[in-house]
Amino acid sequence: MDCEIDLIPVSRSEMWVIVAESMQPVGCERYGSDDTIWAARILWNKPNRLAVV
């Protein structure tokens, strides 16, 4: 399984993480690969000074 990861700074206190599977050779779905997309929202306790918004 291969995957793509994107980190999206929404603000200095919030970031989104998006991860998507990339299906590769024919037949990989038998191992659980199904082009799934996951999303997570991170809320920081302190402002993220590295975020460029």
C-alpha atoms as a PDB file:
ATOM      1  CA  MET A   1       0.000   0.000   0.000  1.00  0.00           C
ATOM      2  CA  ASP A   2       1.174   3.458  -0.870  1.00  0.00           C
ATOM      3  CA  CYS A   3      -0.385   6.579   0.622  1.00  0.00           C
ATOM      4  CA  GLU A   4      -0.571  10.319   0.207  1.00  0.00           C
ATOM      5  CA  ILE A   5      -0.458  12.612   3.249  1.00  0.00           C
ATOM      6  CA  ASP A   6      -1.504  16.271   3.388  1.00  0.00           C
ATOM      7  CA  LEU A   7      -1.130  18.580   6.393  1.00  0.00           C
ATOM      8  CA  ILE A   8      -3.418  21.587   6.104  1.00  0.00           C
ATOM      9  CA  PRO A   9      -2.920  24.450   8.580  1.00  0.00           C
ATOM     10  CA  VAL A  10      -6.379  26.003   8.944  1.00  0.00           C
ATOM     11  CA  SER A  11      -5.285  28.478  11.609  1.00  0.00           C
ATOM     12  CA  ARG A  12      -2.618  28.735  14.303  1.00  0.00           C
ATOM     13  CA  SER A  13      -4.848  26.658  16.590  1.00  0.00           C
ATOM     14  CA  GLU A  14      -6.150  24.055  14.101  1.00  0.00           C
ATOM     15  CA  MET A  15      -4.642  21.673  11.548  1.00  0.00           C
ATOM     16  CA  TRP A  16      -6.210  18.997   9.344  1.00  0.00           C
ATOM     17  CA  VAL A  17      -4.432  15.776   8.388  1.00  0.00           C
ATOM     18  CA  ILE A  18      -5.678  13.945   5.299  1.00  0.00           C
ATOM     19  CA  VAL A  19      -4.317  10.500   4.368  1.00  0.00           C
ATOM     20  CA  ALA A  20      -5.412   8.572   1.279  1.00  0.00           C
ATOM     21  CA  GLU A  21      -4.494   5.077   0.148  1.00  0.00           C
ATOM     22  CA  SER A  22      -3.231   4.617  -3.367  1.00  0.00           C
ATOM     23  CA  MET A  23      -4.205   1.283  -4.860  1.00  0.00           C
ATOM     24  CA  GLN A  24      -1.250  -0.212  -6.706  1.00  0.00           C
ATOM     25  CA  PRO A  25      -1.223  -3.533  -8.573  1.00  0.00           C
ATOM     26  CA  VAL A  26      -4.321  -5.462  -9.576  1.00  0.00           C
ATOM     27  CA  GLY A  27      -5.376  -7.744  -6.726  1.00  0.00           C
ATOM     28  CA  CYS A  28      -4.076  -5.574  -3.859  1.00  0.00           C
ATOM     29  CA  GLU A  29      -7.632  -5.228  -2.504  1.00  0.00           C
ATOM     30  CA  ARG A  30      -7.405  -8.804  -1.184  1.00  0.00           C
ATOM     31  CA  TYR A  31      -4.891  -7.451   1.351  1.00  0.00           C
ATOM     32  CA  GLY A  32      -7.288  -4.759   2.586  1.00  0.00           C
ATOM     33  CA  SER A  33      -6.433  -1.936   0.184  1.00  0.00           C
ATOM     34  CA  ASP A  34      -9.625  -0.128  -0.842  1.00  0.00           C
ATOM     35  CA  ASP A  35      -8.753   3.527  -1.636  1.00  0.00           C
ATOM     36  CA  THR A  36      -9.762   4.636   1.869  1.00  0.00           C
ATOM     37  CA  ILE A  37      -9.425   8.313   2.830  1.00  0.00           C
ATOM     38  CA  TRP A  38      -8.850   9.275   6.480  1.00  0.00           C
ATOM     39  CA  ALA A  39      -9.237  12.763   7.928  1.00  0.00           C
ATOM     40  CA  ALA A  40      -8.216  14.076  11.350  1.00  0.00           C
ATOM     41  CA  ARG A  41      -8.664  17.481  12.918  1.00  0.00           C
ATOM     42  CA  ILE A  42      -6.001  18.619  15.390  1.00  0.00           C
ATOM     43  CA  LEU A  43      -6.750  21.429  17.834  1.00  0.00           C
ATOM     44  CA  TRP A  44      -3.616  22.789  19.486  1.00  0.00           C
ATOM     45  CA  ASN A  45      -3.590  23.876  23.154  1.00  0.00           C
ATOM     46  CA  LYS A  46      -1.051  26.558  22.309  1.00  0.00           C
ATOM     47  CA  PRO A  47      -0.817  28.446  18.995  1.00  0.00           C
ATOM     48  CA  ASN A  48       1.239  26.582  16.402  1.00  0.00           C
ATOM     49  CA  ARG A  49       3.993  29.083  15.600  1.00  0.00           C
ATOM     50  CA  LEU A  50       5.170  27.006  12.612  1.00  0.00           C
ATOM     51  CA  ALA A  51       1.812  27.217  10.832  1.00  0.00           C
ATOM     52  CA  VAL A  52       1.773  29.570   7.880  1.00  0.00           C
ATOM     53  CA  VAL A  53      -1.836  30.512   7.222  1.00  0.00           C
END
